[in-house]
Amino acid sequence: MLDRQPAANRMEYIPFSGIREILEECDRLETAGKDVIHLEIGRPDFDTPEPIKDAAVQALDAGRVHYTSNYGISPLRTAIATKFEQENSLQYESSEIVVTTGATEAVFVSVLAFVDYGEEVLVPDPSWTYEPSVRMAGGTPVRYSLDASSGFQPDLGDLEQCVSDRTKLLIVNSPGNPTGGVLDEEHIERLADFVVEHELIVISDEIYEKILYDDATHRSLAAHGDLYDRTITINGVSKAYSMTGWRLGYLGAPAELIDSIIRVRQYTTTCAPSLSQYAAVRALSSGLHEPMVTAFERRRNRVLERIEKIPGMSCPSPVGAFYAFPTIPDGQPSEEEFVWALLREAGVAFVPGTVFGPSGQGRIRIAYSNGLNRIDEAFDRLEDWL
């Protein structure tokens, strides 16, 4: 036993993931023999398409099993630059692309590269857990609200209340986790004015960009002329191509920003897995995501249909990603108690909304990353349990 506290002081502000706590309980219940329907995990349930797996096998057979450049292999960076130009109207040289071990690392190295101790970072509320990266960099996360009544667009009035002379960076996520919201043109224009006025750097997390419904369109923030020079665009292959376990993300930014990012990158995971990089080259040259998006849209529609039938539950229709963020049913004391009781007693796994920030109070996240039959069974169990 150590005589003094071994953990760094910063760990006081780094919580265990609320999503992982649910996953651990699912594992415990399943080990004990309980059937659990998983609507909590933010990953596609499909297999990675065969042509992508074949590309990895070919790289393995060719002996491409060694370290790569910290930036990533040249064919992949060229493919990413082409993708950015053709799909996002962004002009990046391959030297302005960095391949990372998942989009999570792309966020982390970007925050470390630009946030000094005591500086503030504007983080959407609700959102995926960006706060720990900010805390580990010594920064202070400041949450700004997303407005449920407008499809979870940023509340610009709240942003103005949150910004200060210590604010360095703004994080934006569209399509959004956990809300499924997608930035519209009006809010992009207003965000651009806000960013320029306050001289901020932007991290734009666009990992769900290919998963869109109802004729929704995605526009990269960096494609706005006023934002290009100050935006880091983050993406990856995990969600669109069902490659979460391949751990392959990437970012693009002007050379002035890349210089700091790559210096951090050199001392984290060195390079993304070589086989994953060759697989990603194949992914980016395909339309292999499209059948999955069609399936997600059917699932989204079913989730919304079932939510409407439960008293107290309501949900803005998600137009991107594969999440719904509804209110909890009538009569439930809190989102936490509801989720844990439903999991343990009925075997249905959701995530409490407060995992994603204070504005998630009274809400849950449903990941429709499971088949239609299991979604129906989950709601049947929920109705019986209620």
Protein backbone atom coordinates (compact mmCIF):
# COMPACT_ATOMS: atom_id res chain seq x y z
CA MET A 1 0.00 0.00 0.00
CA LEU A 2 1.42 3.38 -0.98
CA ASP A 3 1.78 5.97 1.78
CA ARG A 4 0.49 8.79 -0.40
CA GLN A 5 -2.09 9.29 -3.12
CA PRO A 6 -0.44 8.00 -6.32
CA ALA A 7 -2.81 9.55 -8.86
CA ALA A 8 -2.08 12.91 -10.44
CA ASN A 9 -4.28 15.72 -9.16
CA ARG A 10 -5.85 16.13 -12.59
CA MET A 11 -7.46 12.68 -12.26
CA GLU A 12 -9.91 14.19 -9.77
CA TYR A 13 -11.59 15.78 -12.80
CA ILE A 14 -11.47 12.71 -15.08
CA PRO A 15 -14.54 10.55 -14.41
CA PHE A 16 -15.07 6.99 -15.53
CA SER A 17 -17.18 6.89 -18.69
CA GLY A 18 -20.89 6.60 -17.92
CA ILE A 19 -21.32 4.61 -21.13
CA ARG A 20 -18.64 2.16 -20.07
CA GLU A 21 -20.36 1.72 -16.69
CA ILE A 22 -23.47 0.59 -18.53
CA LEU A 23 -21.39 -1.74 -20.71
CA GLU A 24 -19.75 -3.30 -17.66
CA GLU A 25 -23.16 -3.96 -16.11
CA CYS A 26 -24.37 -5.48 -19.39
CA ASP A 27 -21.37 -7.81 -19.35
CA ARG A 28 -22.08 -8.82 -15.75
CA LEU A 29 -25.73 -9.53 -16.50
CA GLU A 30 -24.95 -11.49 -19.65
CA THR A 31 -22.31 -13.54 -17.84
CA ALA A 32 -25.04 -14.42 -15.34
CA GLY A 33 -27.24 -15.62 -18.21
CA LYS A 34 -29.54 -12.61 -18.78
CA ASP A 35 -30.47 -11.62 -22.32
CA VAL A 36 -29.62 -7.93 -22.81
CA ILE A 37 -30.76 -5.88 -25.81
CA HIS A 38 -28.00 -3.40 -26.61
CA LEU A 39 -29.24 0.05 -27.52
CA GLU A 40 -26.48 1.81 -25.58
CA ILE A 41 -23.31 1.32 -27.60
CA GLY A 42 -22.34 3.91 -30.23
CA ARG A 43 -21.15 1.58 -32.91
CA PRO A 44 -22.70 0.07 -36.05
CA ASP A 45 -23.62 -3.59 -35.58
CA PHE A 46 -22.75 -4.51 -39.17
CA ASP A 47 -19.64 -6.38 -40.22
CA THR A 48 -16.96 -4.37 -42.01
CA PRO A 49 -17.62 -4.73 -45.77
CA GLU A 50 -15.63 -7.53 -47.40
CA PRO A 51 -13.66 -5.36 -49.88
CA ILE A 52 -12.28 -3.36 -46.95
CA LYS A 53 -11.29 -6.50 -45.08
CA ASP A 54 -9.70 -7.86 -48.25
CA ALA A 55 -7.53 -4.76 -48.54
CA ALA A 56 -6.22 -5.37 -45.02
CA VAL A 57 -5.50 -9.03 -45.80
CA GLN A 58 -3.59 -8.03 -48.92
CA ALA A 59 -1.52 -5.57 -46.89
CA LEU A 60 -0.83 -8.29 -44.32
CA ASP A 61 0.24 -10.75 -47.00
CA ALA A 62 2.53 -8.08 -48.47
CA GLY A 63 4.26 -7.64 -45.11
CA ARG A 64 3.03 -4.09 -44.49
CA VAL A 65 3.16 -4.61 -40.75
CA HIS A 66 5.63 -1.97 -39.60
CA TYR A 67 5.55 1.58 -38.25
CA THR A 68 4.36 4.19 -40.70
CA SER A 69 4.96 7.92 -40.84
CA ASN A 70 3.48 9.86 -37.94
CA TYR A 71 1.31 11.55 -40.56
CA GLY A 72 0.08 8.23 -41.98
CA ILE A 73 0.83 6.36 -45.19
CA SER A 74 1.01 8.47 -48.34
CA PRO A 75 -1.77 6.63 -50.28
CA LEU A 76 -4.22 7.17 -47.43
CA ARG A 77 -3.38 10.85 -46.95
CA THR A 78 -3.82 11.36 -50.70
CA ALA A 79 -7.19 9.57 -50.55
CA ILE A 80 -8.27 11.71 -47.59
CA ALA A 81 -7.21 14.92 -49.34
CA THR A 82 -9.21 13.84 -52.40
CA LYS A 83 -12.22 13.04 -50.22
CA PHE A 84 -12.04 16.44 -48.52
CA GLU A 85 -11.87 18.20 -51.89
CA GLN A 86 -14.65 16.25 -53.62
CA GLU A 87 -17.08 15.87 -50.72
CA ASN A 88 -16.37 18.83 -48.45
CA SER A 89 -14.94 21.53 -50.76
CA LEU A 90 -11.78 21.64 -48.65
CA GLN A 91 -8.38 22.05 -50.25
CA TYR A 92 -5.71 20.29 -48.18
CA GLU A 93 -2.31 19.07 -49.28
CA SER A 94 -1.44 15.55 -48.14
CA SER A 95 1.04 17.19 -45.76
CA GLU A 96 -1.95 18.85 -44.08
CA ILE A 97 -3.54 15.50 -43.24
CA VAL A 98 -2.80 13.50 -40.08
CA VAL A 99 -4.01 9.92 -39.67
CA THR A 100 -4.81 9.05 -36.05
CA THR A 101 -5.70 6.05 -33.92
CA GLY A 102 -9.40 6.79 -34.09
CA ALA A 103 -11.17 10.14 -34.14
CA THR A 104 -10.92 10.17 -30.35
CA GLU A 105 -7.16 10.59 -30.58
CA ALA A 106 -7.59 13.26 -33.23
CA VAL A 107 -9.63 15.29 -30.72
CA PHE A 108 -7.15 14.64 -27.93
CA VAL A 109 -4.01 15.65 -29.82
CA SER A 110 -5.74 18.74 -31.21
CA VAL A 111 -6.77 19.91 -27.75
CA LEU A 112 -3.29 19.23 -26.34
CA ALA A 113 -1.71 21.15 -29.20
CA PHE A 114 -3.62 24.38 -28.60
CA VAL A 115 -4.96 24.59 -25.05
CA ASP A 116 -2.74 25.94 -22.28
CA TYR A 117 -3.34 25.71 -18.56
CA GLY A 118 -6.28 27.90 -17.53
CA GLU A 119 -7.58 28.48 -21.05
CA GLU A 120 -11.24 27.74 -21.74
CA VAL A 121 -12.81 25.49 -24.34
CA LEU A 122 -16.45 25.80 -25.41
CA VAL A 123 -18.05 22.33 -25.45
CA PRO A 124 -21.60 21.55 -26.63
CA ASP A 125 -24.15 20.42 -24.05
CA PRO A 126 -25.23 17.70 -24.61
CA SER A 127 -22.34 16.05 -26.40
CA TRP A 128 -19.97 13.14 -26.42
CA THR A 129 -17.36 13.40 -23.68
CA TYR A 130 -14.90 16.04 -24.90
CA GLU A 131 -14.38 17.41 -21.39
CA PRO A 132 -11.72 14.89 -20.24
CA SER A 133 -9.41 15.89 -23.10
CA VAL A 134 -9.74 19.52 -22.09
CA ARG A 135 -9.10 18.70 -18.43
CA MET A 136 -6.02 16.60 -19.23
CA ALA A 137 -4.61 19.53 -21.20
CA GLY A 138 -5.06 21.75 -18.13
CA GLY A 139 -7.91 23.67 -19.72
CA THR A 140 -11.37 24.46 -18.44
CA PRO A 141 -14.40 23.14 -20.35
CA VAL A 142 -17.32 25.56 -20.57
CA ARG A 143 -20.57 24.05 -21.81
CA TYR A 144 -22.85 25.88 -24.24
CA SER A 145 -26.42 24.75 -24.82
CA LEU A 146 -27.94 22.99 -27.78
CA ASP A 147 -31.60 23.87 -28.26
CA ALA A 148 -33.89 20.82 -28.45
CA SER A 149 -36.73 22.90 -29.87
CA SER A 150 -34.65 23.72 -32.96
CA GLY A 151 -33.34 20.19 -33.53
CA PHE A 152 -30.40 20.75 -31.17
CA GLN A 153 -28.85 23.71 -32.97
CA PRO A 154 -26.32 25.74 -30.92
CA ASP A 155 -27.89 28.40 -28.73
CA LEU A 156 -25.98 31.45 -29.97
CA GLY A 157 -27.19 33.60 -27.09
CA ASP A 158 -25.80 31.09 -24.62
CA LEU A 159 -22.50 30.98 -26.52
CA GLU A 160 -22.14 34.73 -26.07
CA GLN A 161 -22.72 34.29 -22.35
CA CYS A 162 -20.10 31.53 -22.15
CA VAL A 163 -17.22 33.14 -24.05
CA SER A 164 -14.54 35.11 -22.20
CA ASP A 165 -11.09 36.55 -22.77
CA ARG A 166 -9.70 33.14 -21.70
CA THR A 167 -11.61 31.20 -24.38
CA LYS A 168 -9.24 29.58 -26.88
CA LEU A 169 -11.18 26.93 -28.69
CA LEU A 170 -14.71 25.96 -29.79
CA ILE A 171 -15.74 22.31 -30.29
CA VAL A 172 -18.60 21.57 -32.68
CA ASN A 173 -20.05 18.13 -33.48
CA SER A 174 -22.36 17.73 -36.48
CA PRO A 175 -24.07 15.34 -37.07
CA GLY A 176 -24.27 15.16 -33.31
CA ASN A 177 -23.88 12.53 -30.64
CA PRO A 178 -26.17 12.01 -28.68
CA THR A 179 -28.79 14.16 -30.40
CA GLY A 180 -28.68 13.29 -34.10
CA GLY A 181 -28.84 17.02 -34.83
CA VAL A 182 -27.21 18.52 -37.94
CA LEU A 183 -26.05 22.13 -38.21
CA ASP A 184 -28.15 24.18 -40.62
CA GLU A 185 -26.87 26.98 -42.85
CA GLU A 186 -28.17 29.78 -40.64
CA HIS A 187 -26.32 28.49 -37.59
CA ILE A 188 -23.13 27.87 -39.57
CA GLU A 189 -23.16 31.51 -40.67
CA ARG A 190 -23.78 32.74 -37.14
CA LEU A 191 -21.10 30.44 -35.72
CA ALA A 192 -18.62 31.79 -38.26
CA ASP A 193 -19.32 35.36 -37.16
CA PHE A 194 -18.94 34.33 -33.53
CA VAL A 195 -15.65 32.51 -34.09
CA VAL A 196 -14.08 35.35 -36.04
CA GLU A 197 -15.24 38.00 -33.59
CA HIS A 198 -13.68 36.15 -30.66
CA GLU A 199 -10.61 34.87 -32.57
CA LEU A 200 -11.16 31.22 -31.71
CA ILE A 201 -9.79 27.96 -33.07
CA VAL A 202 -12.45 25.39 -34.04
CA ILE A 203 -12.44 21.62 -33.70
CA SER A 204 -15.18 20.32 -36.00
CA ASP A 205 -15.97 16.68 -35.26
CA GLU A 206 -17.66 15.30 -38.37
CA ILE A 207 -17.35 11.56 -37.76
CA TYR A 208 -21.06 10.94 -38.55
CA GLU A 209 -21.18 13.02 -41.74
CA LYS A 210 -22.27 10.19 -44.05
CA ILE A 211 -25.17 9.07 -41.86
CA LEU A 212 -27.96 11.48 -42.83
CA TYR A 213 -31.74 11.24 -43.31
CA ASP A 214 -34.68 13.24 -44.69
CA ASP A 215 -32.62 14.97 -47.37
CA ALA A 216 -30.42 16.53 -44.68
CA THR A 217 -27.08 17.83 -45.92
CA HIS A 218 -23.75 18.12 -44.18
CA ARG A 219 -21.49 21.13 -44.64
CA SER A 220 -18.00 21.18 -43.17
CA LEU A 221 -17.40 24.26 -41.05
CA ALA A 222 -13.99 24.77 -42.65
CA ALA A 223 -15.71 25.19 -46.03
CA HIS A 224 -16.95 28.55 -44.78
CA GLY A 225 -14.30 30.95 -46.06
CA ASP A 226 -13.93 32.76 -42.73
CA LEU A 227 -13.30 29.50 -40.88
CA TYR A 228 -10.85 27.60 -43.09
CA ASP A 229 -7.67 29.04 -41.57
CA ARG A 230 -8.78 28.40 -37.99
CA THR A 231 -10.56 25.00 -38.21
CA ILE A 232 -9.38 21.45 -37.56
CA THR A 233 -11.72 19.04 -39.35
CA ILE A 234 -11.90 15.60 -37.73
CA ASN A 235 -13.34 12.49 -39.31
CA GLY A 236 -12.71 8.77 -39.65
CA VAL A 237 -13.98 5.47 -40.98
CA SER A 238 -15.39 3.98 -37.77
CA LYS A 239 -19.05 4.92 -38.08
CA ALA A 240 -19.73 5.07 -41.82
CA TYR A 241 -17.95 1.82 -42.68
CA SER A 242 -18.51 -0.13 -39.45
CA MET A 243 -14.80 -0.10 -38.60
CA THR A 244 -14.85 0.93 -34.93
CA GLY A 245 -12.34 -1.74 -33.93
CA TRP A 246 -9.90 -0.79 -36.67
CA ARG A 247 -9.12 2.46 -34.81
CA LEU A 248 -8.64 4.73 -37.80
CA GLY A 249 -9.41 8.45 -37.71
CA TYR A 250 -7.96 11.47 -39.43
CA LEU A 251 -7.88 15.24 -39.41
CA GLY A 252 -7.20 18.00 -41.88
CA ALA A 253 -6.07 21.55 -41.14
CA PRO A 254 -3.90 24.30 -42.62
CA ALA A 255 -0.14 23.78 -42.27
CA GLU A 256 0.08 26.43 -39.54
CA LEU A 257 -2.15 24.28 -37.29
CA ILE A 258 -0.77 20.91 -38.38
CA ASP A 259 2.73 21.81 -37.14
CA SER A 260 1.65 21.79 -33.49
CA ILE A 261 -0.66 18.79 -33.89
CA ILE A 262 1.99 16.53 -35.40
CA ARG A 263 4.43 17.32 -32.60
CA VAL A 264 1.90 16.03 -30.09
CA ARG A 265 1.02 13.11 -32.35
CA GLN A 266 4.64 11.89 -32.39
CA TYR A 267 4.52 11.19 -28.67
CA THR A 268 1.13 9.51 -28.37
CA THR A 269 0.52 6.34 -30.38
CA THR A 270 3.21 7.09 -33.00
CA CYS A 271 1.03 5.94 -35.91
CA ALA A 272 -2.32 4.34 -36.60
CA PRO A 273 -2.26 0.55 -37.24
CA SER A 274 -0.67 -0.04 -40.62
CA LEU A 275 -3.22 -2.64 -41.77
CA SER A 276 -6.08 -0.31 -40.81
CA GLN A 277 -4.58 2.42 -42.93
CA TYR A 278 -4.49 0.25 -46.04
CA ALA A 279 -8.06 -0.87 -45.35
CA ALA A 280 -9.14 2.77 -45.04
CA VAL A 281 -7.76 3.56 -48.50
CA ARG A 282 -10.26 1.05 -49.86
CA ALA A 283 -13.08 2.37 -47.69
CA LEU A 284 -12.69 5.95 -48.85
CA SER A 285 -12.81 4.95 -52.52
CA SER A 286 -16.15 3.17 -52.15
CA GLY A 287 -19.84 3.74 -51.57
CA LEU A 288 -19.95 0.82 -49.18
CA HIS A 289 -21.59 2.87 -46.43
CA GLU A 290 -24.86 3.41 -48.32
CA PRO A 291 -26.69 0.14 -47.43
CA MET A 292 -25.92 0.73 -43.77
CA VAL A 293 -27.37 4.24 -43.87
CA THR A 294 -30.56 2.86 -45.45
CA ALA A 295 -30.84 0.34 -42.62
CA PHE A 296 -30.22 3.03 -40.00
CA GLU A 297 -32.99 5.17 -41.45
CA ARG A 298 -35.49 2.31 -41.16
CA ARG A 299 -34.41 1.77 -37.57
CA ARG A 300 -34.70 5.47 -36.77
CA ASN A 301 -38.25 5.51 -38.08
CA ARG A 302 -39.17 2.49 -35.98
CA VAL A 303 -37.64 4.00 -32.82
CA LEU A 304 -39.61 7.22 -33.32
CA GLU A 305 -42.83 5.26 -33.92
CA ARG A 306 -42.39 3.33 -30.71
CA ILE A 307 -41.42 6.40 -28.67
CA GLU A 308 -44.64 8.18 -29.70
CA LYS A 309 -46.73 5.43 -28.09
CA ILE A 310 -45.21 5.80 -24.62
CA PRO A 311 -46.69 8.52 -22.36
CA GLY A 312 -44.13 11.14 -21.46
CA MET A 313 -41.62 10.20 -24.13
CA SER A 314 -40.97 12.70 -26.90
CA CYS A 315 -38.03 13.14 -29.22
CA PRO A 316 -36.91 15.65 -31.86
CA SER A 317 -36.49 13.63 -35.04
CA PRO A 318 -32.75 12.95 -35.54
CA VAL A 319 -31.55 13.74 -39.05
CA GLY A 320 -28.03 12.39 -38.65
CA ALA A 321 -25.92 9.80 -36.81
CA PHE A 322 -27.74 6.81 -35.27
CA TYR A 323 -29.00 8.16 -31.96
CA ALA A 324 -32.30 9.33 -30.53
CA PHE A 325 -32.37 11.56 -27.44
CA PRO A 326 -35.90 11.35 -26.03
CA THR A 327 -37.37 12.37 -22.70
CA ILE A 328 -38.01 9.63 -20.15
CA PRO A 329 -41.49 8.09 -19.67
CA ASP A 330 -44.02 9.53 -17.26
CA GLY A 331 -43.62 8.52 -13.64
CA GLN A 332 -39.87 7.94 -13.70
CA PRO A 333 -37.93 9.68 -10.91
CA SER A 334 -34.80 10.39 -12.97
CA GLU A 335 -33.04 9.27 -16.11
CA GLU A 336 -30.38 7.49 -14.01
CA GLU A 337 -32.84 5.42 -11.98
CA PHE A 338 -34.90 4.64 -15.07
CA VAL A 339 -31.95 3.38 -17.12
CA TRP A 340 -30.43 1.25 -14.39
CA ALA A 341 -33.74 -0.30 -13.31
CA LEU A 342 -34.76 -1.05 -16.91
CA LEU A 343 -31.40 -2.70 -17.59
CA ARG A 344 -31.37 -4.87 -14.48
CA GLU A 345 -35.05 -5.80 -14.48
CA ALA A 346 -35.93 -5.95 -18.20
CA GLY A 347 -32.57 -6.38 -19.92
CA VAL A 348 -32.79 -3.25 -22.09
CA ALA A 349 -29.70 -1.04 -22.22
CA PHE A 350 -29.97 2.73 -22.78
CA VAL A 351 -27.64 5.52 -21.56
CA PRO A 352 -28.70 8.25 -19.11
CA GLY A 353 -28.78 11.65 -20.79
CA THR A 354 -26.68 13.27 -18.07
CA VAL A 355 -23.67 11.24 -19.25
CA PHE A 356 -23.59 13.80 -22.08
CA GLY A 357 -23.96 16.92 -19.93
CA PRO A 358 -26.36 18.65 -17.54
CA SER A 359 -28.91 19.37 -20.27
CA GLY A 360 -29.38 15.63 -20.65
CA GLN A 361 -31.38 15.62 -17.43
CA GLY A 362 -34.69 13.87 -18.00
CA ARG A 363 -33.48 12.31 -21.26
CA ILE A 364 -31.85 9.08 -22.44
CA ARG A 365 -29.76 8.19 -25.45
CA ILE A 366 -30.98 5.33 -27.62
CA ALA A 367 -28.46 4.00 -30.12
CA TYR A 368 -30.35 2.25 -32.89
CA SER A 369 -27.29 0.12 -33.63
CA ASN A 370 -29.30 -3.10 -33.44
CA GLY A 371 -31.71 -4.87 -35.77
CA LEU A 372 -35.39 -4.00 -36.17
CA ASN A 373 -36.53 -7.17 -34.40
CA ARG A 374 -34.38 -6.39 -31.37
CA ILE A 375 -35.54 -2.76 -31.36
CA ASP A 376 -39.16 -3.93 -31.31
CA GLU A 377 -38.41 -6.44 -28.58
CA ALA A 378 -36.69 -3.73 -26.52
CA PHE A 379 -39.75 -1.48 -26.69
CA ASP A 380 -42.05 -4.43 -25.97
CA ARG A 381 -40.04 -5.08 -22.83
CA LEU A 382 -40.07 -1.38 -21.94
CA GLU A 383 -43.86 -1.20 -22.27
CA ASP A 384 -44.35 -4.37 -20.21
CA TRP A 385 -41.94 -3.04 -17.57
CA LEU A 386 -43.78 0.27 -17.35
